[in-house]
Amino acid sequence: ISREEYLRRQGQRINNAEIDEAKIAEY
């Protein structure tokens, strides 16, 4: 998986589906 998908899945695991889309878009 890409770094962006990794961050998205990490956000889902840690923040209960609260994902930092701005950070993902930046990367």
PDB file of all heavy atoms in Angstrom:
ATOM      1  N   ILE A   1       0.843  -1.203   0.000  1.00  0.00           N
ATOM      2  CA  ILE A   1       0.000   0.000   0.000  1.00  0.00           C
ATOM      3  C   ILE A   1       0.878   1.253   0.000  1.00  0.00           C
ATOM      4  O   ILE A   1       2.025   1.233   0.454  1.00  0.00           O
ATOM      5  CB  ILE A   1      -0.964   0.021   1.204  1.00  0.00           C
ATOM      6  CG1 ILE A   1      -0.171   0.022   2.527  1.00  0.00           C
ATOM      7  CG2 ILE A   1      -1.924  -1.156   1.141  1.00  0.00           C
ATOM      8  CD1 ILE A   1      -1.060   0.168   3.763  1.00  0.00           C
ATOM      9  N   SER A   2       0.321   2.336  -0.501  1.00  0.00           N
ATOM     10  CA  SER A   2       1.039   3.610  -0.560  1.00  0.00           C
ATOM     11  C   SER A   2       1.106   4.251   0.819  1.00  0.00           C
ATOM     12  O   SER A   2       0.401   3.850   1.758  1.00  0.00           O
ATOM     13  CB  SER A   2       0.341   4.563  -1.533  1.00  0.00           C
ATOM     14  OG  SER A   2      -0.935   4.928  -1.009  1.00  0.00           O
ATOM     15  N   ARG A   3       1.945   5.237   0.949  1.00  0.00           N
ATOM     16  CA  ARG A   3       2.046   5.986   2.198  1.00  0.00           C
ATOM     17  C   ARG A   3       0.714   6.637   2.551  1.00  0.00           C
ATOM     18  O   ARG A   3       0.298   6.655   3.718  1.00  0.00           O
ATOM     19  CB  ARG A   3       3.128   7.060   2.057  1.00  0.00           C
ATOM     20  CG  ARG A   3       3.264   8.012   3.243  1.00  0.00           C
ATOM     21  CD  ARG A   3       4.442   8.946   3.019  1.00  0.00           C
ATOM     22  NE  ARG A   3       4.439   9.484   1.667  1.00  0.00           N
ATOM     23  CZ  ARG A   3       5.513   9.979   1.068  1.00  0.00           C
ATOM     24  NH1 ARG A   3       6.672   9.949   1.676  1.00  0.00           N
ATOM     25  NH2 ARG A   3       5.448  10.467  -0.151  1.00  0.00           N
ATOM     26  N   GLU A   4       0.001   7.136   1.522  1.00  0.00           N
ATOM     27  CA  GLU A   4      -1.280   7.797   1.776  1.00  0.00           C
ATOM     28  C   GLU A   4      -2.324   6.812   2.302  1.00  0.00           C
ATOM     29  O   GLU A   4      -3.059   7.116   3.253  1.00  0.00           O
ATOM     30  CB  GLU A   4      -1.791   8.471   0.491  1.00  0.00           C
ATOM     31  CG  GLU A   4      -0.897   9.605  -0.014  1.00  0.00           C
ATOM     32  CD  GLU A   4       0.378   9.117  -0.670  1.00  0.00           C
ATOM     33  OE1 GLU A   4       0.327   8.100  -1.399  1.00  0.00           O
ATOM     34  OE2 GLU A   4       1.437   9.734  -0.424  1.00  0.00           O
ATOM     35  N   GLU A   5      -2.366   5.615   1.708  1.00  0.00           N
ATOM     36  CA  GLU A   5      -3.317   4.603   2.172  1.00  0.00           C
ATOM     37  C   GLU A   5      -2.944   4.118   3.573  1.00  0.00           C
ATOM     38  O   GLU A   5      -3.813   3.840   4.397  1.00  0.00           O
ATOM     39  CB  GLU A   5      -3.356   3.433   1.192  1.00  0.00           C
ATOM     40  CG  GLU A   5      -4.327   2.324   1.580  1.00  0.00           C
ATOM     41  CD  GLU A   5      -5.770   2.791   1.689  1.00  0.00           C
ATOM     42  OE1 GLU A   5      -6.132   3.806   1.045  1.00  0.00           O
ATOM     43  OE2 GLU A   5      -6.532   2.140   2.427  1.00  0.00           O
ATOM     44  N   TYR A   6      -1.646   4.033   3.837  1.00  0.00           N
ATOM     45  CA  TYR A   6      -1.188   3.645   5.174  1.00  0.00           C
ATOM     46  C   TYR A   6      -1.673   4.649   6.213  1.00  0.00           C
ATOM     47  O   TYR A   6      -2.165   4.264   7.288  1.00  0.00           O
ATOM     48  CB  TYR A   6       0.338   3.551   5.184  1.00  0.00           C
ATOM     49  CG  TYR A   6       0.930   3.284   6.547  1.00  0.00           C
ATOM     50  CD1 TYR A   6       1.001   1.988   7.055  1.00  0.00           C
ATOM     51  CD2 TYR A   6       1.420   4.333   7.326  1.00  0.00           C
ATOM     52  CE1 TYR A   6       1.540   1.747   8.307  1.00  0.00           C
ATOM     53  CE2 TYR A   6       1.964   4.100   8.580  1.00  0.00           C
ATOM     54  CZ  TYR A   6       2.023   2.809   9.056  1.00  0.00           C
ATOM     55  OH  TYR A   6       2.559   2.574  10.310  1.00  0.00           O
ATOM     56  N   LEU A   7      -1.542   5.941   5.911  1.00  0.00           N
ATOM     57  CA  LEU A   7      -1.996   6.977   6.839  1.00  0.00           C
ATOM     58  C   LEU A   7      -3.507   6.908   7.034  1.00  0.00           C
ATOM     59  O   LEU A   7      -4.017   7.096   8.146  1.00  0.00           O
ATOM     60  CB  LEU A   7      -1.601   8.361   6.321  1.00  0.00           C
ATOM     61  CG  LEU A   7      -0.101   8.680   6.331  1.00  0.00           C
ATOM     62  CD1 LEU A   7       0.161  10.012   5.627  1.00  0.00           C
ATOM     63  CD2 LEU A   7       0.434   8.728   7.758  1.00  0.00           C
ATOM     64  N   ARG A   8      -4.218   6.632   5.955  1.00  0.00           N
ATOM     65  CA  ARG A   8      -5.683   6.537   6.058  1.00  0.00           C
ATOM     66  C   ARG A   8      -6.083   5.364   6.956  1.00  0.00           C
ATOM     67  O   ARG A   8      -6.946   5.512   7.833  1.00  0.00           O
ATOM     68  CB  ARG A   8      -6.294   6.397   4.667  1.00  0.00           C
ATOM     69  CG  ARG A   8      -7.820   6.342   4.668  1.00  0.00           C
ATOM     70  CD  ARG A   8      -8.389   6.379   3.262  1.00  0.00           C
ATOM     71  NE  ARG A   8      -8.308   7.726   2.684  1.00  0.00           N
ATOM     72  CZ  ARG A   8      -7.431   8.102   1.764  1.00  0.00           C
ATOM     73  NH1 ARG A   8      -6.562   7.220   1.278  1.00  0.00           N
ATOM     74  NH2 ARG A   8      -7.412   9.330   1.294  1.00  0.00           N
ATOM     75  N   ARG A   9      -5.462   4.208   6.771  1.00  0.00           N
ATOM     76  CA  ARG A   9      -5.793   3.046   7.584  1.00  0.00           C
ATOM     77  C   ARG A   9      -5.350   3.253   9.031  1.00  0.00           C
ATOM     78  O   ARG A   9      -6.033   2.817   9.966  1.00  0.00           O
ATOM     79  CB  ARG A   9      -5.137   1.793   7.009  1.00  0.00           C
ATOM     80  CG  ARG A   9      -5.668   1.406   5.631  1.00  0.00           C
ATOM     81  CD  ARG A   9      -5.093   0.083   5.167  1.00  0.00           C
ATOM     82  NE  ARG A   9      -5.513  -0.232   3.807  1.00  0.00           N
ATOM     83  CZ  ARG A   9      -5.235  -1.383   3.187  1.00  0.00           C
ATOM     84  NH1 ARG A   9      -4.544  -2.322   3.818  1.00  0.00           N
ATOM     85  NH2 ARG A   9      -5.644  -1.597   1.944  1.00  0.00           N
ATOM     86  N   GLN A  10      -4.216   3.907   9.210  1.00  0.00           N
ATOM     87  CA  GLN A  10      -3.739   4.187  10.561  1.00  0.00           C
ATOM     88  C   GLN A  10      -4.722   5.095  11.284  1.00  0.00           C
ATOM     89  O   GLN A  10      -5.017   4.897  12.467  1.00  0.00           O
ATOM     90  CB  GLN A  10      -2.356   4.838  10.506  1.00  0.00           C
ATOM     91  CG  GLN A  10      -1.716   5.065  11.863  1.00  0.00           C
ATOM     92  CD  GLN A  10      -0.376   5.759  11.735  1.00  0.00           C
ATOM     93  OE1 GLN A  10      -0.255   6.805  11.089  1.00  0.00           O
ATOM     94  NE2 GLN A  10       0.655   5.176  12.322  1.00  0.00           N
ATOM     95  N   GLY A  11      -5.244   6.099  10.565  1.00  0.00           N
ATOM     96  CA  GLY A  11      -6.229   6.995  11.162  1.00  0.00           C
ATOM     97  C   GLY A  11      -7.501   6.269  11.549  1.00  0.00           C
ATOM     98  O   GLY A  11      -8.116   6.546  12.589  1.00  0.00           O
ATOM     99  N   GLN A  12      -7.903   5.316  10.741  1.00  0.00           N
ATOM    100  CA  GLN A  12      -9.108   4.548  11.050  1.00  0.00           C
ATOM    101  C   GLN A  12      -8.911   3.687  12.292  1.00  0.00           C
ATOM    102  O   GLN A  12      -9.814   3.545  13.115  1.00  0.00           O
ATOM    103  CB  GLN A  12      -9.471   3.663   9.853  1.00  0.00           C
ATOM    104  CG  GLN A  12      -9.980   4.436   8.646  1.00  0.00           C
ATOM    105  CD  GLN A  12     -10.172   3.552   7.424  1.00  0.00           C
ATOM    106  OE1 GLN A  12      -9.570   2.482   7.316  1.00  0.00           O
ATOM    107  NE2 GLN A  12     -11.018   3.993   6.512  1.00  0.00           N
ATOM    108  N   ARG A  13      -7.701   3.132  12.441  1.00  0.00           N
ATOM    109  CA  ARG A  13      -7.443   2.272  13.601  1.00  0.00           C
ATOM    110  C   ARG A  13      -7.325   3.085  14.893  1.00  0.00           C
ATOM    111  O   ARG A  13      -7.859   2.705  15.927  1.00  0.00           O
ATOM    112  CB  ARG A  13      -6.154   1.477  13.393  1.00  0.00           C
ATOM    113  CG  ARG A  13      -6.237   0.392  12.352  1.00  0.00           C
ATOM    114  CD  ARG A  13      -5.052  -0.560  12.481  1.00  0.00           C
ATOM    115  NE  ARG A  13      -3.785   0.159  12.393  1.00  0.00           N
ATOM    116  CZ  ARG A  13      -3.101   0.329  11.259  1.00  0.00           C
ATOM    117  NH1 ARG A  13      -3.594  -0.131  10.128  1.00  0.00           N
ATOM    118  NH2 ARG A  13      -1.958   0.963  11.261  1.00  0.00           N
ATOM    119  N   ILE A  14      -6.622   4.209  14.811  1.00  0.00           N
ATOM    120  CA  ILE A  14      -6.300   4.963  16.022  1.00  0.00           C
ATOM    121  C   ILE A  14      -7.405   5.947  16.398  1.00  0.00           C
ATOM    122  O   ILE A  14      -7.756   6.103  17.568  1.00  0.00           O
ATOM    123  CB  ILE A  14      -4.965   5.716  15.845  1.00  0.00           C
ATOM    124  CG1 ILE A  14      -3.842   4.698  15.606  1.00  0.00           C
ATOM    125  CG2 ILE A  14      -4.654   6.573  17.057  1.00  0.00           C
ATOM    126  CD1 ILE A  14      -2.506   5.325  15.296  1.00  0.00           C
ATOM    127  N   ASN A  15      -7.962   6.608  15.400  1.00  0.00           N
ATOM    128  CA  ASN A  15      -8.907   7.693  15.685  1.00  0.00           C
ATOM    129  C   ASN A  15     -10.357   7.328  15.405  1.00  0.00           C
ATOM    130  O   ASN A  15     -11.203   8.217  15.271  1.00  0.00           O
ATOM    131  CB  ASN A  15      -8.527   8.935  14.848  1.00  0.00           C
ATOM    132  CG  ASN A  15      -7.115   9.393  15.128  1.00  0.00           C
ATOM    133  OD1 ASN A  15      -6.671   9.369  16.263  1.00  0.00           O
ATOM    134  ND2 ASN A  15      -6.403   9.802  14.086  1.00  0.00           N
ATOM    135  N   ASN A  16     -10.624   6.024  15.306  1.00  0.00           N
ATOM    136  CA  ASN A  16     -12.003   5.597  15.073  1.00  0.00           C
ATOM    137  C   ASN A  16     -12.616   6.280  13.854  1.00  0.00           C
ATOM    138  O   ASN A  16     -13.646   6.951  13.937  1.00  0.00           O
ATOM    139  CB  ASN A  16     -12.868   5.853  16.312  1.00  0.00           C
ATOM    140  CG  ASN A  16     -12.401   5.051  17.517  1.00  0.00           C
ATOM    141  OD1 ASN A  16     -12.011   3.894  17.371  1.00  0.00           O
ATOM    142  ND2 ASN A  16     -12.417   5.663  18.688  1.00  0.00           N
ATOM    143  N   ALA A  17     -11.935   6.126  12.720  1.00  0.00           N
ATOM    144  CA  ALA A  17     -12.408   6.623  11.421  1.00  0.00           C
ATOM    145  C   ALA A  17     -12.256   8.133  11.255  1.00  0.00           C
ATOM    146  O   ALA A  17     -12.709   8.691  10.264  1.00  0.00           O
ATOM    147  CB  ALA A  17     -13.863   6.221  11.175  1.00  0.00           C
ATOM    148  N   GLU A  18     -11.569   8.808  12.205  1.00  0.00           N
ATOM    149  CA  GLU A  18     -11.291  10.239  12.028  1.00  0.00           C
ATOM    150  C   GLU A  18      -9.975  10.361  11.273  1.00  0.00           C
ATOM    151  O   GLU A  18      -8.896  10.140  11.833  1.00  0.00           O
ATOM    152  CB  GLU A  18     -11.191  10.946  13.381  1.00  0.00           C
ATOM    153  CG  GLU A  18     -10.971  12.448  13.249  1.00  0.00           C
ATOM    154  CD  GLU A  18     -10.873  13.140  14.597  1.00  0.00           C
ATOM    155  OE1 GLU A  18     -11.403  12.589  15.586  1.00  0.00           O
ATOM    156  OE2 GLU A  18     -10.282  14.231  14.649  1.00  0.00           O
ATOM    157  N   ILE A  19     -10.042  10.722  10.009  1.00  0.00           N
ATOM    158  CA  ILE A  19      -8.870  10.703   9.128  1.00  0.00           C
ATOM    159  C   ILE A  19      -8.452  12.128   8.781  1.00  0.00           C
ATOM    160  O   ILE A  19      -9.287  12.982   8.470  1.00  0.00           O
ATOM    161  CB  ILE A  19      -9.189   9.911   7.842  1.00  0.00           C
ATOM    162  CG1 ILE A  19      -9.610   8.479   8.209  1.00  0.00           C
ATOM    163  CG2 ILE A  19      -7.994   9.906   6.901  1.00  0.00           C
ATOM    164  CD1 ILE A  19     -10.114   7.689   7.028  1.00  0.00           C
ATOM    165  N   ASP A  20      -7.148  12.376   8.842  1.00  0.00           N
ATOM    166  CA  ASP A  20      -6.594  13.684   8.495  1.00  0.00           C
ATOM    167  C   ASP A  20      -6.397  13.736   6.975  1.00  0.00           C
ATOM    168  O   ASP A  20      -5.311  13.465   6.468  1.00  0.00           O
ATOM    169  CB  ASP A  20      -5.275  13.903   9.229  1.00  0.00           C
ATOM    170  CG  ASP A  20      -4.769  15.335   9.097  1.00  0.00           C
ATOM    171  OD1 ASP A  20      -5.265  16.056   8.214  1.00  0.00           O
ATOM    172  OD2 ASP A  20      -3.873  15.726   9.870  1.00  0.00           O
ATOM    173  N   GLU A  21      -7.449  14.076   6.251  1.00  0.00           N
ATOM    174  CA  GLU A  21      -7.389  14.090   4.790  1.00  0.00           C
ATOM    175  C   GLU A  21      -6.428  15.148   4.274  1.00  0.00           C
ATOM    176  O   GLU A  21      -5.820  14.984   3.215  1.00  0.00           O
ATOM    177  CB  GLU A  21      -8.787  14.315   4.213  1.00  0.00           C
ATOM    178  CG  GLU A  21      -9.752  13.149   4.424  1.00  0.00           C
ATOM    179  CD  GLU A  21      -9.352  11.912   3.627  1.00  0.00           C
ATOM    180  OE1 GLU A  21      -8.459  12.019   2.773  1.00  0.00           O
ATOM    181  OE2 GLU A  21      -9.948  10.836   3.863  1.00  0.00           O
ATOM    182  N   ALA A  22      -6.283  16.259   5.009  1.00  0.00           N
ATOM    183  CA  ALA A  22      -5.367  17.314   4.572  1.00  0.00           C
ATOM    184  C   ALA A  22      -3.924  16.813   4.577  1.00  0.00           C
ATOM    185  O   ALA A  22      -3.146  17.094   3.665  1.00  0.00           O
ATOM    186  CB  ALA A  22      -5.515  18.538   5.470  1.00  0.00           C
ATOM    187  N   LYS A  23      -3.575  16.047   5.606  1.00  0.00           N
ATOM    188  CA  LYS A  23      -2.221  15.494   5.690  1.00  0.00           C
ATOM    189  C   LYS A  23      -1.994  14.472   4.585  1.00  0.00           C
ATOM    190  O   LYS A  23      -0.930  14.439   3.955  1.00  0.00           O
ATOM    191  CB  LYS A  23      -2.008  14.844   7.053  1.00  0.00           C
ATOM    192  CG  LYS A  23      -0.615  14.260   7.249  1.00  0.00           C
ATOM    193  CD  LYS A  23      -0.460  13.676   8.638  1.00  0.00           C
ATOM    194  CE  LYS A  23       0.947  13.115   8.849  1.00  0.00           C
ATOM    195  NZ  LYS A  23       1.118  12.548  10.214  1.00  0.00           N
ATOM    196  N   ILE A  24      -3.010  13.649   4.323  1.00  0.00           N
ATOM    197  CA  ILE A  24      -2.906  12.644   3.267  1.00  0.00           C
ATOM    198  C   ILE A  24      -2.739  13.317   1.909  1.00  0.00           C
ATOM    199  O   ILE A  24      -1.920  12.909   1.084  1.00  0.00           O
ATOM    200  CB  ILE A  24      -4.140  11.730   3.279  1.00  0.00           C
ATOM    201  CG1 ILE A  24      -4.149  10.879   4.560  1.00  0.00           C
ATOM    202  CG2 ILE A  24      -4.170  10.831   2.042  1.00  0.00           C
ATOM    203  CD1 ILE A  24      -5.392  10.057   4.744  1.00  0.00           C
ATOM    204  N   ALA A  25      -3.497  14.378   1.664  1.00  0.00           N
ATOM    205  CA  ALA A  25      -3.392  15.110   0.402  1.00  0.00           C
ATOM    206  C   ALA A  25      -2.025  15.773   0.262  1.00  0.00           C
ATOM    207  O   ALA A  25      -1.455  15.826  -0.834  1.00  0.00           O
ATOM    208  CB  ALA A  25      -4.497  16.154   0.315  1.00  0.00           C
ATOM    209  N   GLU A  26      -1.482  16.258   1.368  1.00  0.00           N
ATOM    210  CA  GLU A  26      -0.164  16.899   1.353  1.00  0.00           C
ATOM    211  C   GLU A  26       0.907  15.905   0.919  1.00  0.00           C
ATOM    212  O   GLU A  26       1.746  16.212   0.061  1.00  0.00           O
ATOM    213  CB  GLU A  26       0.155  17.453   2.738  1.00  0.00           C
ATOM    214  CG  GLU A  26       1.511  18.142   2.829  1.00  0.00           C
ATOM    215  CD  GLU A  26       1.824  18.656   4.221  1.00  0.00           C
ATOM    216  OE1 GLU A  26       1.485  17.961   5.199  1.00  0.00           O
ATOM    217  OE2 GLU A  26       2.399  19.751   4.335  1.00  0.00           O
ATOM    218  N   TYR A  27       0.876  14.713   1.481  1.00  0.00           N
ATOM    219  CA  TYR A  27       1.859  13.704   1.106  1.00  0.00           C
ATOM    220  C   TYR A  27       1.630  13.218  -0.325  1.00  0.00           C
ATOM    221  O   TYR A  27       2.578  12.915  -1.054  1.00  0.00           O
ATOM    222  CB  TYR A  27       1.802  12.525   2.077  1.00  0.00           C
ATOM    223  CG  TYR A  27       2.606  12.765   3.335  1.00  0.00           C
ATOM    224  CD1 TYR A  27       2.005  13.201   4.507  1.00  0.00           C
ATOM    225  CD2 TYR A  27       3.982  12.565   3.346  1.00  0.00           C
ATOM    226  CE1 TYR A  27       2.748  13.428   5.660  1.00  0.00           C
ATOM    227  CE2 TYR A  27       4.734  12.795   4.482  1.00  0.00           C
ATOM    228  CZ  TYR A  27       4.110  13.216   5.635  1.00  0.00           C
ATOM    229  OH  TYR A  27       4.857  13.454   6.767  1.00  0.00           O
TER     230      TYR A  27
END
